[in-house]
Amino acid sequence: MIVADKDKVLFGTKALSAIKRGDKYAVRIWDSETPALKNFTTIDRYPVAGEWRIEARWVQYQKPKEVNIPTVIPGLVQHGIAPGVAVFTRNGKEYMLEPTIEEGDDQYFFVFGDKTNGKETYGAGRFLYADQPKDGKIILDFNKSYNPPCVFTDFATCPVPTQQNRLPITIEAGEKIFQHH
C-alpha cells in the first residue's frame, strides 16, 4: 500500500521524499527495516567536561552575509546566512567559529572541524547548535557536538566546515567516530 502525506510517500517500510541540492533534485529514501538501523547499538562519546562548555564573545556582522558551504559531494555547495562570529580563547589563543542560521530558527548552527577529525571523530567534521547570543555572549557547548548524517550513509549530502571553521586545536568533546566512517 502506498500512502502520501505532505512531505513523504510511504511504501511498506520505506519512506521517500524529494530533495533539492543546488540545482539538482534527488529522492531521499529511509527504510525502517535496514540492517544498519536494526543492528545499531550506540555512538561512543568523550566524557562530558565542563571545560568544553565555553562562553564565547559574539561579534555581530553589520549585515548578515551569505556564505558558501562545501559538502561531502565534490562541487556541491550549499548557501547559508552567517549573522556573525563566535570568538573564544583556549590555552591563551583566540579562535573564531562562524555559524549559519535559517529564517525562523532560534538557534545558530555550527559546522566545525578540529584536529580529532579522521582519527577520533568523523573526518568531515561535526555539528553543533547554540542558542542565540545574549548580552554579547554565546555558549558553545562542544559536549553537545555530534556527527552529521553522512557518518551513517554514503548517500547523504552533508555540509563540511568552511576554511574559517577548521580549528587547529583538539576538541575532545561530543560524539566520536561511528564505526568505519
N, C-alpha and C. Protein backbone atom coordinates (compact mmCIF):
# COMPACT_ATOMS: atom_id res chain seq x y z
N MET A 1 0.84 -1.17 0.00
CA MET A 1 0.00 0.00 0.00
C MET A 1 0.90 1.25 0.00
N ILE A 2 0.56 2.22 -0.83
CA ILE A 2 1.30 3.47 -0.91
C ILE A 2 0.45 4.56 -0.26
N VAL A 3 1.07 5.31 0.65
CA VAL A 3 0.40 6.40 1.34
C VAL A 3 1.22 7.66 1.12
N ALA A 4 0.56 8.75 0.81
CA ALA A 4 1.26 10.02 0.64
C ALA A 4 0.84 10.97 1.74
N ASP A 5 1.80 11.62 2.36
CA ASP A 5 1.48 12.70 3.29
C ASP A 5 2.07 13.98 2.70
N LYS A 6 2.11 15.03 3.47
CA LYS A 6 2.56 16.33 2.96
C LYS A 6 3.96 16.29 2.38
N ASP A 7 4.89 15.58 3.02
CA ASP A 7 6.29 15.62 2.62
C ASP A 7 6.87 14.31 2.13
N LYS A 8 6.18 13.18 2.38
CA LYS A 8 6.76 11.88 2.07
C LYS A 8 5.75 10.96 1.43
N VAL A 9 6.29 10.00 0.68
CA VAL A 9 5.50 8.90 0.17
C VAL A 9 5.94 7.67 0.96
N LEU A 10 4.99 6.97 1.55
CA LEU A 10 5.28 5.79 2.35
C LEU A 10 4.91 4.55 1.56
N PHE A 11 5.83 3.58 1.54
CA PHE A 11 5.62 2.34 0.81
C PHE A 11 6.19 1.21 1.65
N GLY A 12 5.35 0.47 2.33
CA GLY A 12 5.82 -0.59 3.22
C GLY A 12 6.68 0.00 4.33
N THR A 13 7.91 -0.49 4.44
CA THR A 13 8.83 0.01 5.47
C THR A 13 9.66 1.19 4.99
N LYS A 14 9.40 1.66 3.78
CA LYS A 14 10.20 2.74 3.20
C LYS A 14 9.42 4.05 3.14
N ALA A 15 10.17 5.13 3.27
CA ALA A 15 9.61 6.47 3.09
C ALA A 15 10.50 7.19 2.07
N LEU A 16 9.87 7.90 1.15
CA LEU A 16 10.60 8.61 0.10
C LEU A 16 10.22 10.09 0.13
N SER A 17 11.21 10.93 -0.14
CA SER A 17 10.98 12.37 -0.15
C SER A 17 11.87 13.00 -1.20
N ALA A 18 11.36 14.00 -1.92
CA ALA A 18 12.16 14.72 -2.90
C ALA A 18 12.98 15.78 -2.17
N ILE A 19 14.25 15.93 -2.57
CA ILE A 19 15.12 16.97 -2.00
C ILE A 19 15.78 17.73 -3.15
N LYS A 20 16.19 18.94 -2.86
CA LYS A 20 16.91 19.74 -3.84
C LYS A 20 18.25 20.14 -3.24
N ARG A 21 19.32 19.90 -3.97
CA ARG A 21 20.67 20.27 -3.57
C ARG A 21 21.26 21.07 -4.71
N GLY A 22 21.44 22.37 -4.49
CA GLY A 22 21.89 23.24 -5.56
C GLY A 22 20.81 23.30 -6.62
N ASP A 23 21.15 22.99 -7.86
CA ASP A 23 20.15 23.00 -8.92
C ASP A 23 19.74 21.58 -9.31
N LYS A 24 20.07 20.60 -8.46
CA LYS A 24 19.74 19.21 -8.75
C LYS A 24 18.70 18.68 -7.77
N TYR A 25 17.90 17.75 -8.26
CA TYR A 25 16.89 17.09 -7.44
C TYR A 25 17.28 15.63 -7.23
N ALA A 26 16.85 15.08 -6.11
CA ALA A 26 17.11 13.68 -5.80
C ALA A 26 15.96 13.14 -4.95
N VAL A 27 15.98 11.86 -4.74
CA VAL A 27 14.99 11.22 -3.87
C VAL A 27 15.74 10.68 -2.66
N ARG A 28 15.30 11.06 -1.48
CA ARG A 28 15.87 10.54 -0.24
C ARG A 28 14.98 9.38 0.20
N ILE A 29 15.60 8.27 0.59
CA ILE A 29 14.86 7.07 0.98
C ILE A 29 15.27 6.66 2.39
N TRP A 30 14.29 6.36 3.21
CA TRP A 30 14.50 5.81 4.55
C TRP A 30 13.85 4.44 4.59
N ASP A 31 14.47 3.50 5.28
CA ASP A 31 13.92 2.16 5.43
C ASP A 31 14.02 1.76 6.89
N SER A 32 12.88 1.62 7.55
CA SER A 32 12.85 1.28 8.97
C SER A 32 13.33 -0.15 9.24
N GLU A 33 13.51 -0.93 8.20
CA GLU A 33 13.97 -2.31 8.37
C GLU A 33 15.42 -2.51 7.90
N THR A 34 16.13 -1.45 7.64
CA THR A 34 17.51 -1.60 7.19
C THR A 34 18.37 -2.25 8.27
N PRO A 35 19.28 -3.14 7.89
CA PRO A 35 20.14 -3.79 8.88
C PRO A 35 20.95 -2.79 9.72
N ALA A 36 21.38 -1.69 9.10
CA ALA A 36 22.16 -0.69 9.86
C ALA A 36 21.37 -0.16 11.05
N LEU A 37 20.08 0.06 10.85
CA LEU A 37 19.23 0.56 11.94
C LEU A 37 18.92 -0.55 12.94
N LYS A 38 18.63 -1.72 12.45
CA LYS A 38 18.30 -2.84 13.34
C LYS A 38 19.49 -3.25 14.20
N ASN A 39 20.72 -3.09 13.67
CA ASN A 39 21.92 -3.51 14.40
C ASN A 39 22.59 -2.37 15.16
N PHE A 40 22.00 -1.19 15.10
CA PHE A 40 22.60 -0.03 15.76
C PHE A 40 22.62 -0.23 17.28
N THR A 41 23.74 0.12 17.90
CA THR A 41 23.82 -0.01 19.36
C THR A 41 24.04 1.36 20.01
N THR A 42 25.17 1.99 19.71
CA THR A 42 25.46 3.27 20.36
C THR A 42 26.54 4.02 19.59
N ILE A 43 26.70 5.27 19.94
CA ILE A 43 27.79 6.09 19.41
C ILE A 43 28.68 6.45 20.59
N ASP A 44 29.95 6.16 20.47
CA ASP A 44 30.89 6.47 21.54
C ASP A 44 31.05 8.00 21.65
N ARG A 45 31.27 8.48 22.86
CA ARG A 45 31.41 9.92 23.12
C ARG A 45 32.57 10.15 24.08
N TYR A 46 33.06 11.35 24.03
CA TYR A 46 34.02 11.77 25.06
C TYR A 46 33.24 11.99 26.35
N PRO A 47 33.88 11.84 27.51
CA PRO A 47 33.19 12.17 28.77
C PRO A 47 32.83 13.66 28.78
N VAL A 48 31.67 13.97 29.32
CA VAL A 48 31.26 15.37 29.43
C VAL A 48 32.25 16.10 30.33
N ALA A 49 32.72 17.25 29.85
CA ALA A 49 33.71 18.02 30.60
C ALA A 49 33.33 19.50 30.58
N GLY A 50 33.26 20.08 31.76
CA GLY A 50 32.90 21.49 31.88
C GLY A 50 33.80 22.42 31.10
N GLU A 51 35.06 22.04 30.91
CA GLU A 51 35.99 22.91 30.17
C GLU A 51 35.59 23.10 28.71
N TRP A 52 34.72 22.22 28.19
CA TRP A 52 34.28 22.34 26.81
C TRP A 52 32.95 23.05 26.66
N ARG A 53 32.44 23.60 27.75
CA ARG A 53 31.27 24.49 27.69
C ARG A 53 31.85 25.90 27.80
N ILE A 54 31.97 26.53 26.65
CA ILE A 54 32.73 27.78 26.55
C ILE A 54 31.81 28.97 26.30
N GLU A 55 32.00 30.00 27.12
CA GLU A 55 31.30 31.26 26.87
C GLU A 55 32.16 32.08 25.91
N ALA A 56 31.64 32.27 24.70
CA ALA A 56 32.38 32.99 23.67
C ALA A 56 31.83 34.41 23.54
N ARG A 57 32.66 35.28 23.05
CA ARG A 57 32.24 36.63 22.73
C ARG A 57 31.56 36.59 21.38
N TRP A 58 30.43 37.27 21.26
CA TRP A 58 29.70 37.28 19.99
C TRP A 58 29.97 38.60 19.26
N VAL A 59 30.41 38.50 18.01
CA VAL A 59 30.66 39.66 17.17
C VAL A 59 29.64 39.63 16.04
N GLN A 60 28.65 40.49 16.15
CA GLN A 60 27.57 40.56 15.16
C GLN A 60 28.07 41.27 13.91
N TYR A 61 27.80 40.71 12.73
CA TYR A 61 28.12 41.42 11.49
C TYR A 61 27.16 42.59 11.33
N GLN A 62 27.61 43.67 10.71
CA GLN A 62 26.72 44.81 10.46
C GLN A 62 25.52 44.36 9.66
N LYS A 63 25.78 43.50 8.70
CA LYS A 63 24.72 42.93 7.86
C LYS A 63 25.04 41.45 7.71
N PRO A 64 24.07 40.55 7.98
CA PRO A 64 24.36 39.12 7.79
C PRO A 64 24.90 38.88 6.37
N LYS A 65 25.84 37.94 6.26
CA LYS A 65 26.43 37.69 4.95
C LYS A 65 26.10 36.29 4.46
N GLU A 66 26.04 36.17 3.13
CA GLU A 66 25.82 34.86 2.55
C GLU A 66 27.17 34.16 2.46
N VAL A 67 27.18 32.89 2.86
CA VAL A 67 28.40 32.10 2.81
C VAL A 67 28.17 30.85 1.96
N ASN A 68 29.21 30.44 1.26
CA ASN A 68 29.18 29.20 0.50
C ASN A 68 29.76 28.10 1.38
N ILE A 69 29.01 27.03 1.53
CA ILE A 69 29.41 25.94 2.42
C ILE A 69 29.66 24.69 1.58
N PRO A 70 30.89 24.18 1.59
CA PRO A 70 31.16 22.96 0.84
C PRO A 70 30.42 21.77 1.45
N THR A 71 30.28 20.71 0.68
CA THR A 71 29.63 19.50 1.16
C THR A 71 30.54 18.30 0.91
N VAL A 72 30.11 17.13 1.36
CA VAL A 72 30.88 15.91 1.13
C VAL A 72 30.84 15.49 -0.34
N ILE A 73 29.97 16.11 -1.12
CA ILE A 73 29.88 15.83 -2.56
C ILE A 73 30.74 16.85 -3.30
N PRO A 74 31.83 16.45 -3.93
CA PRO A 74 32.68 17.42 -4.63
C PRO A 74 31.88 18.26 -5.61
N GLY A 75 32.07 19.58 -5.53
CA GLY A 75 31.38 20.51 -6.42
C GLY A 75 30.01 20.95 -5.96
N LEU A 76 29.42 20.27 -4.99
CA LEU A 76 28.11 20.67 -4.48
C LEU A 76 28.31 21.63 -3.32
N VAL A 77 27.77 22.82 -3.46
CA VAL A 77 27.92 23.86 -2.45
C VAL A 77 26.54 24.25 -1.94
N GLN A 78 26.41 24.40 -0.64
CA GLN A 78 25.18 24.92 -0.05
C GLN A 78 25.40 26.38 0.30
N HIS A 79 24.33 27.11 0.42
CA HIS A 79 24.41 28.52 0.75
C HIS A 79 23.77 28.75 2.11
N GLY A 80 24.39 29.58 2.92
CA GLY A 80 23.87 29.87 4.24
C GLY A 80 24.00 31.35 4.55
N ILE A 81 23.33 31.76 5.60
CA ILE A 81 23.41 33.14 6.07
C ILE A 81 24.14 33.13 7.41
N ALA A 82 25.25 33.88 7.48
CA ALA A 82 26.05 33.98 8.71
C ALA A 82 25.76 35.34 9.36
N PRO A 83 25.23 35.32 10.60
CA PRO A 83 24.90 36.57 11.28
C PRO A 83 26.08 37.23 11.99
N GLY A 84 27.14 36.47 12.22
CA GLY A 84 28.29 36.99 12.97
C GLY A 84 29.26 35.87 13.25
N VAL A 85 30.09 36.07 14.27
CA VAL A 85 31.12 35.08 14.59
C VAL A 85 31.28 34.97 16.10
N ALA A 86 31.47 33.73 16.57
CA ALA A 86 31.75 33.47 17.98
C ALA A 86 33.27 33.44 18.15
N VAL A 87 33.77 34.21 19.12
CA VAL A 87 35.21 34.32 19.37
C VAL A 87 35.48 33.76 20.77
N PHE A 88 36.37 32.77 20.85
CA PHE A 88 36.68 32.19 22.16
C PHE A 88 38.18 31.99 22.30
N THR A 89 38.60 31.84 23.54
CA THR A 89 40.01 31.66 23.85
C THR A 89 40.21 30.28 24.45
N ARG A 90 41.25 29.62 23.99
CA ARG A 90 41.61 28.30 24.50
C ARG A 90 43.12 28.28 24.65
N ASN A 91 43.61 27.99 25.87
CA ASN A 91 45.05 27.95 26.14
C ASN A 91 45.76 29.21 25.66
N GLY A 92 45.13 30.36 25.90
CA GLY A 92 45.74 31.64 25.60
C GLY A 92 45.67 32.08 24.15
N LYS A 93 45.04 31.28 23.28
CA LYS A 93 44.91 31.65 21.86
C LYS A 93 43.45 31.87 21.52
N GLU A 94 43.22 32.78 20.60
CA GLU A 94 41.87 33.14 20.20
C GLU A 94 41.47 32.39 18.93
N TYR A 95 40.22 31.90 18.91
CA TYR A 95 39.67 31.16 17.77
C TYR A 95 38.29 31.71 17.44
N MET A 96 37.88 31.52 16.19
CA MET A 96 36.57 32.01 15.75
C MET A 96 35.82 30.90 15.03
N LEU A 97 34.51 30.87 15.27
CA LEU A 97 33.62 29.97 14.53
C LEU A 97 32.45 30.80 14.00
N GLU A 98 32.12 30.56 12.74
CA GLU A 98 31.03 31.29 12.10
C GLU A 98 29.84 30.35 11.90
N PRO A 99 28.70 30.66 12.52
CA PRO A 99 27.52 29.82 12.34
C PRO A 99 26.67 30.31 11.17
N THR A 100 25.70 29.50 10.82
CA THR A 100 24.65 29.93 9.91
C THR A 100 23.33 29.84 10.65
N ILE A 101 22.34 30.49 10.10
CA ILE A 101 21.01 30.44 10.70
C ILE A 101 19.98 30.43 9.58
N GLU A 102 18.96 29.63 9.78
CA GLU A 102 17.84 29.58 8.84
C GLU A 102 16.77 30.53 9.35
N GLU A 103 16.06 31.15 8.43
CA GLU A 103 14.99 32.06 8.82
C GLU A 103 13.99 31.33 9.71
N GLY A 104 13.67 31.93 10.84
CA GLY A 104 12.72 31.34 11.78
C GLY A 104 13.36 30.44 12.82
N ASP A 105 14.63 30.05 12.65
CA ASP A 105 15.29 29.21 13.65
C ASP A 105 15.65 30.04 14.87
N ASP A 106 15.65 29.41 16.03
CA ASP A 106 16.04 30.12 17.24
C ASP A 106 17.42 29.72 17.73
N GLN A 107 18.12 28.90 16.94
CA GLN A 107 19.48 28.51 17.30
C GLN A 107 20.42 28.72 16.12
N TYR A 108 21.70 28.91 16.44
CA TYR A 108 22.73 29.03 15.42
C TYR A 108 23.33 27.65 15.18
N PHE A 109 23.70 27.39 13.93
CA PHE A 109 24.21 26.09 13.50
C PHE A 109 25.68 26.22 13.10
N PHE A 110 26.53 25.47 13.79
CA PHE A 110 27.97 25.47 13.51
C PHE A 110 28.37 24.14 12.88
N VAL A 111 29.09 24.20 11.79
CA VAL A 111 29.75 23.04 11.20
C VAL A 111 31.24 23.31 11.42
N PHE A 112 31.90 22.45 12.20
CA PHE A 112 33.29 22.73 12.54
C PHE A 112 34.16 21.49 12.39
N GLY A 113 35.42 21.75 12.19
CA GLY A 113 36.43 20.70 12.16
C GLY A 113 37.49 21.01 13.20
N ASP A 114 38.20 19.97 13.62
CA ASP A 114 39.30 20.15 14.58
C ASP A 114 40.31 19.02 14.37
N LYS A 115 41.34 19.00 15.19
CA LYS A 115 42.43 18.03 15.00
C LYS A 115 42.04 16.59 15.31
N THR A 116 40.84 16.34 15.89
CA THR A 116 40.42 14.96 16.12
C THR A 116 39.82 14.33 14.87
N ASN A 117 39.44 15.16 13.88
CA ASN A 117 38.78 14.65 12.67
C ASN A 117 39.64 13.63 11.95
N GLY A 118 39.01 12.52 11.60
CA GLY A 118 39.71 11.46 10.88
C GLY A 118 40.48 10.51 11.76
N LYS A 119 40.61 10.86 13.04
CA LYS A 119 41.32 9.99 13.98
C LYS A 119 40.32 9.48 15.03
N GLU A 120 39.83 10.40 15.85
CA GLU A 120 38.89 10.04 16.90
C GLU A 120 37.46 10.42 16.56
N THR A 121 37.30 11.40 15.65
CA THR A 121 35.97 11.85 15.25
C THR A 121 35.85 11.76 13.74
N TYR A 122 34.65 11.94 13.25
CA TYR A 122 34.37 11.83 11.83
C TYR A 122 35.26 12.77 11.02
N GLY A 123 35.84 12.28 9.96
CA GLY A 123 36.81 13.03 9.18
C GLY A 123 36.29 14.32 8.56
N ALA A 124 35.01 14.39 8.26
CA ALA A 124 34.45 15.58 7.60
C ALA A 124 33.95 16.62 8.59
N GLY A 125 34.16 16.41 9.88
CA GLY A 125 33.74 17.42 10.87
C GLY A 125 32.53 17.00 11.67
N ARG A 126 32.08 17.91 12.51
CA ARG A 126 30.92 17.66 13.36
C ARG A 126 30.00 18.89 13.37
N PHE A 127 28.82 18.70 13.93
CA PHE A 127 27.81 19.76 14.02
C PHE A 127 27.62 20.17 15.46
N LEU A 128 27.17 21.41 15.65
CA LEU A 128 26.87 21.93 16.98
C LEU A 128 25.82 23.04 16.85
N TYR A 129 24.81 22.99 17.68
CA TYR A 129 23.82 24.07 17.77
C TYR A 129 24.09 24.86 19.04
N ALA A 130 23.79 26.15 18.97
CA ALA A 130 23.93 27.02 20.15
C ALA A 130 22.77 28.01 20.15
N ASP A 131 22.30 28.32 21.35
CA ASP A 131 21.27 29.35 21.47
C ASP A 131 21.83 30.67 20.98
N GLN A 132 20.95 31.52 20.50
CA GLN A 132 21.39 32.83 20.02
C GLN A 132 22.04 33.61 21.16
N PRO A 133 22.94 34.52 20.81
CA PRO A 133 23.70 35.27 21.82
C PRO A 133 22.81 36.16 22.68
N LYS A 134 23.29 36.37 23.90
CA LYS A 134 22.64 37.31 24.83
C LYS A 134 23.74 38.18 25.42
N ASP A 135 23.50 39.46 25.43
CA ASP A 135 24.45 40.41 26.01
C ASP A 135 25.88 40.25 25.45
N GLY A 136 25.96 39.99 24.16
CA GLY A 136 27.27 39.89 23.53
C GLY A 136 28.02 38.60 23.79
N LYS A 137 27.33 37.58 24.35
CA LYS A 137 27.96 36.28 24.65
C LYS A 137 27.14 35.15 24.03
N ILE A 138 27.83 34.09 23.64
CA ILE A 138 27.17 32.89 23.13
C ILE A 138 27.86 31.68 23.76
N ILE A 139 27.08 30.69 24.14
CA ILE A 139 27.62 29.48 24.77
C ILE A 139 27.87 28.42 23.69
N LEU A 140 29.12 27.99 23.57
CA LEU A 140 29.49 26.89 22.69
C LEU A 140 29.74 25.68 23.59
N ASP A 141 28.78 24.77 23.63
CA ASP A 141 28.95 23.57 24.46
C ASP A 141 29.35 22.41 23.55
N PHE A 142 30.66 22.25 23.39
CA PHE A 142 31.17 21.22 22.50
C PHE A 142 30.83 19.81 22.98
N ASN A 143 30.42 19.66 24.23
CA ASN A 143 29.94 18.36 24.72
C ASN A 143 28.73 17.91 23.92
N LYS A 144 28.03 18.85 23.31
CA LYS A 144 26.82 18.55 22.53
C LYS A 144 27.11 18.41 21.04
N SER A 145 28.37 18.44 20.64
CA SER A 145 28.69 18.30 19.22
C SER A 145 28.39 16.86 18.78
N TYR A 146 27.94 16.75 17.54
CA TYR A 146 27.50 15.43 17.08
C TYR A 146 27.87 15.21 15.62
N ASN A 147 27.80 13.94 15.23
CA ASN A 147 28.13 13.53 13.88
C ASN A 147 27.04 13.94 12.90
N PRO A 148 27.43 14.34 11.69
CA PRO A 148 26.44 14.64 10.66
C PRO A 148 25.84 13.34 10.12
N PRO A 149 24.71 13.44 9.43
CA PRO A 149 24.07 12.23 8.88
C PRO A 149 24.97 11.43 7.95
N CYS A 150 25.92 12.08 7.28
CA CYS A 150 26.77 11.36 6.33
C CYS A 150 27.69 10.36 7.02
N VAL A 151 27.77 10.39 8.34
CA VAL A 151 28.58 9.39 9.04
C VAL A 151 27.88 8.02 8.97
N PHE A 152 26.57 8.04 8.73
CA PHE A 152 25.80 6.79 8.73
C PHE A 152 25.55 6.23 7.34
N THR A 153 25.74 7.05 6.30
CA THR A 153 25.46 6.60 4.93
C THR A 153 26.34 7.35 3.95
N ASP A 154 26.66 6.70 2.87
CA ASP A 154 27.43 7.33 1.80
C ASP A 154 26.52 8.15 0.87
N PHE A 155 25.22 8.16 1.14
CA PHE A 155 24.28 8.81 0.24
C PHE A 155 23.78 10.15 0.76
N ALA A 156 24.39 10.68 1.80
CA ALA A 156 23.98 11.98 2.35
C ALA A 156 24.77 13.10 1.68
N THR A 157 24.26 14.32 1.81
CA THR A 157 24.90 15.49 1.18
C THR A 157 25.27 16.51 2.25
N CYS A 158 25.96 16.06 3.27
CA CYS A 158 26.26 16.89 4.44
C CYS A 158 27.20 18.06 4.14
N PRO A 159 26.95 19.19 4.82
CA PRO A 159 27.92 20.28 4.75
C PRO A 159 29.17 19.90 5.52
N VAL A 160 30.28 20.45 5.10
CA VAL A 160 31.56 20.28 5.81
C VAL A 160 32.05 21.67 6.21
N PRO A 161 32.98 21.75 7.15
CA PRO A 161 33.42 23.06 7.63
C PRO A 161 34.04 23.92 6.52
N THR A 162 33.73 25.19 6.57
CA THR A 162 34.42 26.15 5.72
C THR A 162 35.84 26.26 6.26
N GLN A 163 36.71 26.88 5.51
CA GLN A 163 38.09 27.08 5.98
C GLN A 163 38.08 27.83 7.31
N GLN A 164 37.19 28.81 7.43
CA GLN A 164 37.04 29.61 8.65
C GLN A 164 36.76 28.73 9.87
N ASN A 165 36.02 27.64 9.67
CA ASN A 165 35.58 26.80 10.80
C ASN A 165 36.41 25.54 11.01
N ARG A 166 37.60 25.50 10.42
CA ARG A 166 38.53 24.39 10.67
C ARG A 166 39.51 24.86 11.74
N LEU A 167 39.30 24.35 12.95
CA LEU A 167 40.10 24.80 14.10
C LEU A 167 41.40 24.00 14.21
N PRO A 168 42.51 24.67 14.46
CA PRO A 168 43.80 23.99 14.59
C PRO A 168 44.05 23.48 16.02
N ILE A 169 42.98 23.08 16.69
CA ILE A 169 43.09 22.56 18.06
C ILE A 169 42.35 21.23 18.15
N THR A 170 42.56 20.54 19.24
CA THR A 170 41.90 19.26 19.51
C THR A 170 40.72 19.51 20.44
N ILE A 171 39.52 19.15 19.98
CA ILE A 171 38.32 19.31 20.81
C ILE A 171 37.84 17.92 21.21
N GLU A 172 38.23 17.51 22.41
CA GLU A 172 37.88 16.18 22.92
C GLU A 172 36.56 16.27 23.68
N ALA A 173 35.49 16.48 22.91
CA ALA A 173 34.15 16.62 23.47
C ALA A 173 33.14 16.21 22.41
N GLY A 174 32.00 15.71 22.88
CA GLY A 174 30.93 15.32 21.96
C GLY A 174 31.11 13.92 21.41
N GLU A 175 30.42 13.66 20.28
CA GLU A 175 30.45 12.33 19.69
C GLU A 175 31.78 12.03 19.01
N LYS A 176 32.14 10.74 19.09
CA LYS A 176 33.34 10.25 18.41
C LYS A 176 32.93 9.62 17.09
N ILE A 177 33.92 9.10 16.37
CA ILE A 177 33.69 8.48 15.08
C ILE A 177 32.72 7.30 15.24
N PHE A 178 31.91 7.07 14.24
CA PHE A 178 30.94 5.97 14.26
C PHE A 178 31.43 4.86 13.35
N GLN A 179 31.72 3.72 13.91
CA GLN A 179 32.17 2.53 13.20
C GLN A 179 33.26 2.84 12.21
N HIS A 180 33.06 2.53 10.93
CA HIS A 180 34.12 2.66 9.93
C HIS A 180 34.23 4.04 9.31
N HIS A 181 33.33 4.93 9.59
CA HIS A 181 33.38 6.26 8.96
C HIS A 181 34.36 7.09 9.72
